[in-house]
Amino acid sequence: MTATLLPLQILVISLHRSLDRRAKVEQEMQQISLPWSFLDAVDGSALQNPPSEYKAFKVKCLQGYELTPNEIGCYLSHKEAWKRCVEKNTPTLILEDDFVLAPEFGHVIQTLLSNPDTWSFVRLQGLYEVSYEEVALIDGIRLVKNNGDAVGATAYLLKPEVAHTLVHESSDIYEPADHFLEHQKKHGLEFLAVRPYPVDITRAKSTIDDRDERAPVQGLRKRLRSVARALDRVFSKRPWFPR
């Protein structure tokens, strides 16, 4: 594989203080001969105030819960990666620093970049197992459409036009980044996937450790949320949860 011939930017989102994770990333990336760089993640726990994109009261009304500081920081980190994709105007592979590359990873990336007309936005990892429908089989690589949200944003590949749309639709931050990536009704993008996934996670303790498992929104809180979303659809030019 000749790295100089590949029109690809690789960004690894990582907190500057996460030295152990960064060492593991450097070791993992030795498996492939592609240039890459760290993108210093936004440390949500160090934010003095929420960013302007985050309206806490509206988020609580339309989500039924608020995002944690580190969820906000994670989202801002991915948003910065999308901006860099747009600025460089080249396909970009975005990784979070808890990834593990499968042996076929290099072949998957080579195949996708050699067949640019078959994709624009590809998931390379998922936390939840969901059913899927095959879209194309290219040089042994199965490109599919997942039936459901596989969750996770550890590894995905996108084109600049997709990154531009994601940045545009992120003028408000109101859900975790991985859920937003799958929010097709909001951004209108088709998120394909490679199955089996060529990237896994280390299962190391998350650096976004300020969120307990959320209980489902239900009862009166759920009914109030439904009313708030309905009103937002009526009065907002860009509703957060369009039908």
Protein backbone atom coordinates (compact mmCIF):
# COMPACT_ATOMS: atom_id res chain seq x y z
CA MET A 1 0.00 0.00 0.00
CA THR A 2 1.46 3.35 -1.05
CA ALA A 3 0.37 5.93 1.47
CA THR A 4 1.21 8.93 -0.73
CA LEU A 5 -1.30 7.82 -3.35
CA LEU A 6 -4.20 7.66 -0.90
CA PRO A 7 -6.30 10.85 -0.62
CA LEU A 8 -6.92 10.35 3.06
CA GLN A 9 -6.67 12.29 6.33
CA ILE A 10 -6.64 10.30 9.57
CA LEU A 11 -7.50 12.04 12.83
CA VAL A 12 -7.36 10.29 16.20
CA ILE A 13 -9.44 12.11 18.82
CA SER A 14 -7.67 11.88 22.17
CA LEU A 15 -7.37 13.90 25.35
CA HIS A 16 -3.90 15.43 25.59
CA ARG A 17 -3.55 14.07 29.12
CA SER A 18 -4.42 10.46 28.15
CA LEU A 19 -0.83 9.31 27.79
CA ASP A 20 -1.54 5.59 28.17
CA ARG A 21 -4.20 5.69 25.48
CA ARG A 22 -1.94 7.68 23.17
CA ALA A 23 0.83 5.14 23.57
CA LYS A 24 -1.61 2.37 22.65
CA VAL A 25 -2.74 4.35 19.59
CA GLU A 26 0.85 4.76 18.41
CA GLN A 27 1.40 1.03 18.79
CA GLU A 28 -1.83 0.19 16.97
CA MET A 29 -1.13 2.55 14.06
CA GLN A 30 2.17 0.81 13.35
CA GLN A 31 0.08 -1.85 11.62
CA ILE A 32 -0.67 0.47 8.70
CA SER A 33 1.62 2.65 6.58
CA LEU A 34 -0.65 5.69 6.51
CA PRO A 35 0.03 9.19 7.88
CA TRP A 36 -2.13 10.21 10.81
CA SER A 37 -2.25 12.74 13.61
CA PHE A 38 -3.81 13.27 17.02
CA LEU A 39 -6.65 15.74 17.38
CA ASP A 40 -6.61 17.05 20.93
CA ALA A 41 -10.07 16.32 22.31
CA VAL A 42 -12.12 18.93 24.11
CA ASP A 43 -12.01 18.07 27.81
CA GLY A 44 -15.64 18.46 28.82
CA SER A 45 -14.82 18.25 32.51
CA ALA A 46 -12.65 21.36 32.14
CA LEU A 47 -15.26 23.50 30.38
CA GLN A 48 -16.01 26.58 32.46
CA ASN A 49 -19.32 27.15 30.68
CA PRO A 50 -21.34 25.20 28.11
CA PRO A 51 -20.66 26.19 24.47
CA SER A 52 -23.11 28.48 22.67
CA GLU A 53 -24.42 25.48 20.69
CA TYR A 54 -25.81 23.93 23.86
CA LYS A 55 -29.11 25.24 25.28
CA ALA A 56 -29.57 23.31 28.53
CA PHE A 57 -33.25 24.09 29.13
CA LYS A 58 -34.31 23.22 25.58
CA VAL A 59 -32.21 20.04 25.63
CA LYS A 60 -33.88 18.91 28.86
CA CYS A 61 -37.35 19.65 27.43
CA LEU A 62 -36.79 17.92 24.07
CA GLN A 63 -34.55 15.07 25.28
CA GLY A 64 -35.89 14.47 28.76
CA TYR A 65 -32.35 14.69 30.14
CA GLU A 66 -29.31 16.96 29.84
CA LEU A 67 -26.00 15.97 28.29
CA THR A 68 -23.07 15.54 30.63
CA PRO A 69 -20.03 17.85 30.31
CA ASN A 70 -17.94 15.07 28.80
CA GLU A 71 -20.64 14.19 26.25
CA ILE A 72 -20.56 17.84 25.19
CA GLY A 73 -16.77 17.73 25.01
CA CYS A 74 -16.89 14.56 22.91
CA TYR A 75 -19.37 16.15 20.50
CA LEU A 76 -17.23 19.28 20.16
CA SER A 77 -14.20 17.10 19.43
CA HIS A 78 -15.98 15.31 16.58
CA LYS A 79 -17.26 18.64 15.28
CA GLU A 80 -13.68 19.90 15.11
CA ALA A 81 -12.72 16.78 13.14
CA TRP A 82 -15.56 17.47 10.66
CA LYS A 83 -14.32 21.04 10.28
CA ARG A 84 -10.81 19.80 9.50
CA CYS A 85 -12.23 17.42 6.90
CA VAL A 86 -13.93 20.36 5.22
CA GLU A 87 -10.83 22.57 5.45
CA LYS A 88 -8.55 19.95 3.93
CA ASN A 89 -11.23 18.90 1.42
CA THR A 90 -10.25 15.24 1.49
CA PRO A 91 -11.84 12.03 2.78
CA THR A 92 -11.20 11.71 6.49
CA LEU A 93 -11.01 8.72 8.79
CA ILE A 94 -12.00 9.71 12.32
CA LEU A 95 -10.96 7.46 15.21
CA GLU A 96 -11.46 7.71 18.95
CA ASP A 97 -8.46 6.57 20.96
CA ASP A 98 -9.91 3.27 22.21
CA PHE A 99 -9.79 1.48 18.86
CA VAL A 100 -8.31 -1.86 17.85
CA LEU A 101 -7.66 -2.50 14.17
CA ALA A 102 -8.57 -5.84 12.61
CA PRO A 103 -6.01 -7.46 10.27
CA GLU A 104 -8.14 -6.56 7.23
CA PHE A 105 -8.40 -2.86 8.15
CA GLY A 106 -5.84 -1.63 5.61
CA HIS A 107 -7.51 -3.58 2.81
CA VAL A 108 -10.91 -2.13 3.77
CA ILE A 109 -9.65 1.45 3.61
CA GLN A 110 -7.80 0.81 0.33
CA THR A 111 -10.95 -0.70 -1.19
CA LEU A 112 -13.21 2.14 -0.08
CA LEU A 113 -10.86 4.82 -1.36
CA SER A 114 -10.51 2.96 -4.66
CA ASN A 115 -14.29 2.89 -5.07
CA PRO A 116 -15.40 6.40 -4.04
CA ASP A 117 -18.71 6.30 -5.90
CA THR A 118 -20.09 3.57 -3.63
CA TRP A 119 -20.09 5.53 -0.35
CA SER A 120 -19.98 8.95 1.28
CA PHE A 121 -20.24 8.10 4.98
CA VAL A 122 -19.18 4.71 6.38
CA ARG A 123 -19.31 3.23 9.88
CA LEU A 124 -16.32 0.99 10.64
CA GLN A 125 -17.27 0.06 14.22
CA GLY A 126 -20.44 -0.49 16.22
CA LEU A 127 -21.24 -1.27 19.83
CA TYR A 128 -24.61 -2.93 19.28
CA GLU A 129 -25.35 -5.80 16.95
CA VAL A 130 -28.11 -4.89 14.51
CA SER A 131 -29.42 -6.57 11.40
CA TYR A 132 -28.35 -5.20 8.04
CA GLU A 133 -28.97 -5.31 4.30
CA GLU A 134 -26.11 -5.69 1.86
CA VAL A 135 -25.63 -2.77 -0.52
CA ALA A 136 -22.50 -3.88 -2.37
CA LEU A 137 -19.72 -6.45 -2.28
CA ILE A 138 -16.45 -4.89 -3.44
CA ASP A 139 -13.24 -6.92 -3.53
CA GLY A 140 -14.48 -9.03 -0.64
CA ILE A 141 -15.65 -6.01 1.41
CA ARG A 142 -19.34 -6.08 2.36
CA LEU A 143 -20.88 -2.61 2.35
CA VAL A 144 -24.25 -2.62 4.12
CA LYS A 145 -27.04 -0.48 5.52
CA ASN A 146 -27.66 -1.20 9.20
CA ASN A 147 -31.26 -1.64 10.30
CA GLY A 148 -31.01 0.38 13.48
CA ASP A 149 -28.52 2.42 15.46
CA ALA A 150 -25.35 0.41 16.14
CA VAL A 151 -24.14 3.18 18.51
CA GLY A 152 -20.55 4.29 18.91
CA ALA A 153 -18.30 6.74 17.08
CA THR A 154 -14.95 5.00 17.49
CA ALA A 155 -14.30 4.73 13.74
CA TYR A 156 -15.94 6.17 10.64
CA LEU A 157 -14.92 7.45 7.23
CA LEU A 158 -16.58 10.44 5.56
CA LYS A 159 -16.22 12.78 2.62
CA PRO A 160 -15.92 16.58 2.88
CA GLU A 161 -19.47 17.21 1.66
CA VAL A 162 -20.79 14.98 4.44
CA ALA A 163 -18.60 16.73 7.01
CA HIS A 164 -19.93 20.09 5.78
CA THR A 165 -23.52 18.93 6.36
CA LEU A 166 -22.69 17.62 9.83
CA VAL A 167 -21.09 20.92 10.81
CA HIS A 168 -24.07 22.84 9.46
CA GLU A 169 -26.55 20.66 11.34
CA SER A 170 -24.53 21.03 14.56
CA SER A 171 -25.42 24.66 15.16
CA ASP A 172 -27.26 23.15 18.14
CA ILE A 173 -25.85 20.32 20.25
CA TYR A 174 -28.54 18.28 21.97
CA GLU A 175 -27.63 14.58 21.73
CA PRO A 176 -24.45 12.49 22.02
CA ALA A 177 -22.29 12.58 18.90
CA ASP A 178 -22.82 8.93 17.98
CA HIS A 179 -26.61 9.30 18.13
CA PHE A 180 -26.42 12.44 16.00
CA LEU A 181 -24.40 10.58 13.36
CA GLU A 182 -27.28 8.12 13.02
CA HIS A 183 -29.96 10.85 13.11
CA GLN A 184 -30.84 10.64 9.41
CA LYS A 185 -34.12 12.54 9.74
CA LYS A 186 -32.13 15.52 11.00
CA HIS A 187 -29.14 15.66 8.65
CA GLY A 188 -30.52 13.63 5.72
CA LEU A 189 -27.32 11.60 5.26
CA GLU A 190 -27.09 7.88 4.59
CA PHE A 191 -24.72 6.16 7.00
CA LEU A 192 -23.48 2.87 5.52
CA ALA A 193 -21.25 0.33 7.27
CA VAL A 194 -18.63 -2.29 6.54
CA ARG A 195 -19.58 -5.67 7.98
CA PRO A 196 -17.94 -7.35 9.69
CA TYR A 197 -16.54 -4.21 11.27
CA PRO A 198 -12.79 -3.80 10.70
CA VAL A 199 -12.41 -1.87 13.97
CA ASP A 200 -13.16 -2.92 17.55
CA ILE A 201 -12.70 -1.16 20.89
CA THR A 202 -10.25 -1.90 23.70
CA ARG A 203 -12.93 -2.02 26.42
CA ALA A 204 -10.71 0.25 28.49
CA LYS A 205 -12.45 2.57 30.93
CA SER A 206 -13.98 5.43 28.99
CA THR A 207 -12.62 8.95 29.33
CA ILE A 208 -16.27 10.02 29.13
CA ASP A 209 -16.98 8.60 32.56
CA ASP A 210 -19.55 11.05 33.91
CA ARG A 211 -22.63 9.34 32.53
CA ASP A 212 -24.33 6.44 34.25
CA GLU A 213 -26.56 4.17 32.20
CA ARG A 214 -29.62 6.27 31.46
CA ALA A 215 -33.03 5.00 32.41
CA PRO A 216 -35.60 5.28 29.61
CA VAL A 217 -37.63 8.47 29.54
CA GLN A 218 -41.14 7.39 30.46
CA GLY A 219 -44.38 8.37 32.15
CA LEU A 220 -45.20 12.06 32.53
CA ARG A 221 -41.68 13.06 31.54
CA LYS A 222 -42.08 11.25 28.21
CA ARG A 223 -45.47 12.85 27.54
CA LEU A 224 -44.07 16.31 28.26
CA ARG A 225 -41.16 15.58 25.94
CA SER A 226 -43.56 14.59 23.14
CA VAL A 227 -45.46 17.85 23.57
CA ALA A 228 -42.22 19.87 23.53
CA ARG A 229 -41.06 18.14 20.33
CA ALA A 230 -44.42 18.73 18.65
CA LEU A 231 -44.25 22.44 19.50
CA ASP A 232 -40.68 22.62 18.25
CA ARG A 233 -41.76 21.16 14.91
CA VAL A 234 -44.46 23.81 14.61
CA PHE A 235 -42.47 26.86 15.62
CA SER A 236 -38.87 26.05 14.68
CA LYS A 237 -37.53 26.37 11.14
CA ARG A 238 -35.04 23.60 11.95
CA PRO A 239 -36.68 21.24 14.45
CA TRP A 240 -34.41 18.92 16.33
CA PHE A 241 -36.61 15.86 15.84
CA PRO A 242 -38.35 16.19 12.46
CA ARG A 243 -40.91 13.58 11.54
